[in-house]
Amino acid sequence: MAEVELVVAALVAGATAGITDVAGNAVRDTYSALQVAVRRHLTARGKDTACLDREAGLDPEVWQAHLIKELETSGPFQDDEVLQAAQRLLQQVSETEGNIVDARGAKGLMVGNHNTQTNNFN
């Protein structure tokens, strides 16, 4: 994946996870750090940072196409901070996907992977 595509994929994934409230604090923090780093990248090159602010109701694919266009014209991402934050964010988002649990009425609930539990209900 090219650097611009990596950064855009991470920005879209982070925004989408934040909107659906699937994201935990770590994902939100990493998304914020990535936004700050990309804003710094754009500002250093005299580019407008408004493309990072997704408008409510805007189709993610439309926003993604706009981001790609804007970031491709900003020059190469040679900043390891940006690339590492993008990779970290994509990893965190992928780890949180599929972990939504509706626990209404549950007894002896355990959430997570590789758990062992013994329940005795009387």
Protein backbone atom coordinates (compact mmCIF):
# COMPACT_ATOMS: atom_id res chain seq x y z
CA MET A 1 0.00 0.00 0.00
CA ALA A 2 1.41 3.37 -0.99
CA GLU A 3 2.07 5.85 1.80
CA VAL A 4 -0.79 8.18 0.86
CA GLU A 5 -3.22 5.27 0.62
CA LEU A 6 -2.04 3.96 4.00
CA VAL A 7 -2.61 7.35 5.65
CA VAL A 8 -6.00 7.83 3.98
CA ALA A 9 -7.15 4.30 4.90
CA ALA A 10 -6.17 4.96 8.51
CA LEU A 11 -7.91 8.36 8.60
CA VAL A 12 -11.12 6.89 7.16
CA ALA A 13 -11.00 3.86 9.47
CA GLY A 14 -10.38 6.05 12.51
CA ALA A 15 -13.18 8.45 11.61
CA THR A 16 -15.59 5.61 10.92
CA ALA A 17 -14.72 3.81 14.17
CA GLY A 18 -15.18 7.04 16.11
CA ILE A 19 -18.55 7.74 14.50
CA THR A 20 -19.91 4.28 15.26
CA ASP A 21 -18.56 4.52 18.81
CA VAL A 22 -16.78 1.18 18.39
CA ALA A 23 -13.47 2.79 19.14
CA GLY A 24 -11.93 2.77 22.55
CA ASN A 25 -9.82 5.55 23.96
CA ALA A 26 -6.65 4.14 22.41
CA VAL A 27 -8.16 4.27 18.91
CA ARG A 28 -9.48 7.79 19.44
CA ASP A 29 -6.10 8.94 20.81
CA THR A 30 -4.19 7.40 17.90
CA TYR A 31 -6.66 8.90 15.40
CA SER A 32 -6.18 12.34 16.98
CA ALA A 33 -2.39 11.94 16.89
CA LEU A 34 -2.55 10.96 13.21
CA GLN A 35 -4.71 13.97 12.39
CA VAL A 36 -2.25 16.28 14.15
CA ALA A 37 0.70 14.74 12.30
CA VAL A 38 -1.04 14.98 8.90
CA ARG A 39 -2.09 18.58 9.63
CA ARG A 40 1.55 19.37 10.40
CA HIS A 41 2.59 17.69 7.12
CA LEU A 42 0.07 19.72 5.10
CA THR A 43 0.78 23.01 6.87
CA ALA A 44 4.53 22.63 6.33
CA ARG A 45 3.83 22.41 2.61
CA GLY A 46 1.46 25.36 2.52
CA LYS A 47 -1.62 23.17 1.97
CA ASP A 48 -5.10 23.61 3.38
CA THR A 49 -6.00 21.20 6.20
CA ALA A 50 -9.78 21.43 5.73
CA CYS A 51 -9.75 18.11 3.85
CA LEU A 52 -9.17 16.35 7.18
CA ASP A 53 -12.46 17.57 8.59
CA ARG A 54 -15.10 15.12 7.42
CA GLU A 55 -18.46 16.75 6.97
CA ALA A 56 -21.36 15.06 8.76
CA GLY A 57 -23.29 12.83 6.40
CA LEU A 58 -20.57 12.80 3.75
CA ASP A 59 -20.14 9.38 2.16
CA PRO A 60 -16.83 7.86 3.40
CA GLU A 61 -15.86 6.88 -0.16
CA VAL A 62 -16.31 10.47 -1.38
CA TRP A 63 -14.26 11.76 1.56
CA GLN A 64 -11.60 9.12 0.91
CA ALA A 65 -11.28 10.12 -2.75
CA HIS A 66 -10.99 13.78 -1.72
CA LEU A 67 -8.31 12.93 0.86
CA ILE A 68 -6.29 10.93 -1.63
CA LYS A 69 -6.37 13.81 -4.12
CA GLU A 70 -5.34 16.38 -1.51
CA LEU A 71 -2.61 14.28 0.08
CA GLU A 72 -1.11 13.18 -3.24
CA THR A 73 -0.59 16.82 -4.17
CA SER A 74 1.09 17.54 -0.83
CA GLY A 75 4.22 15.59 -1.62
CA PRO A 76 5.60 12.32 -0.26
CA PHE A 77 5.12 11.24 3.32
CA GLN A 78 8.65 10.86 4.58
CA ASP A 79 7.64 11.49 8.17
CA ASP A 80 7.89 8.26 10.15
CA GLU A 81 5.54 9.70 12.79
CA VAL A 82 2.70 9.90 10.25
CA LEU A 83 3.31 6.45 8.79
CA GLN A 84 3.71 4.76 12.18
CA ALA A 85 0.55 6.42 13.52
CA ALA A 86 -1.35 5.29 10.42
CA GLN A 87 -0.15 1.70 10.80
CA ARG A 88 -0.88 1.72 14.54
CA LEU A 89 -4.39 3.09 13.97
CA LEU A 90 -5.25 0.48 11.34
CA GLN A 91 -4.02 -2.26 13.69
CA GLN A 92 -6.07 -0.91 16.60
CA VAL A 93 -9.22 -0.55 14.50
CA SER A 94 -8.87 -4.10 13.15
CA GLU A 95 -8.49 -5.41 16.71
CA THR A 96 -11.71 -3.71 17.84
CA GLU A 97 -13.84 -4.86 14.90
CA GLY A 98 -16.18 -7.69 15.75
CA ASN A 99 -15.95 -7.11 19.48
CA ILE A 100 -19.31 -5.45 19.95
CA VAL A 101 -21.34 -7.30 22.56
CA ASP A 102 -24.95 -6.77 23.51
CA ALA A 103 -25.01 -8.01 27.11
CA ARG A 104 -28.59 -7.18 28.03
CA GLY A 105 -29.92 -9.97 30.22
CA ALA A 106 -26.64 -11.86 30.21
CA LYS A 107 -25.46 -13.92 33.16
CA GLY A 108 -21.85 -14.92 33.62
CA LEU A 109 -20.72 -12.85 30.69
CA MET A 110 -17.10 -12.85 29.62
CA VAL A 111 -15.76 -10.73 26.79
CA GLY A 112 -12.42 -11.27 25.14
CA ASN A 113 -10.35 -13.98 23.58
CA HIS A 114 -8.85 -17.15 25.05
CA ASN A 115 -10.85 -16.96 28.29
CA THR A 116 -11.88 -19.71 30.68
CA GLN A 117 -14.87 -19.36 32.95
CA THR A 118 -16.88 -21.59 35.28
CA ASN A 119 -20.37 -20.46 36.28
CA ASN A 120 -22.66 -21.83 38.96
CA PHE A 121 -26.15 -20.35 38.85
CA ASN A 122 -28.55 -21.14 41.68
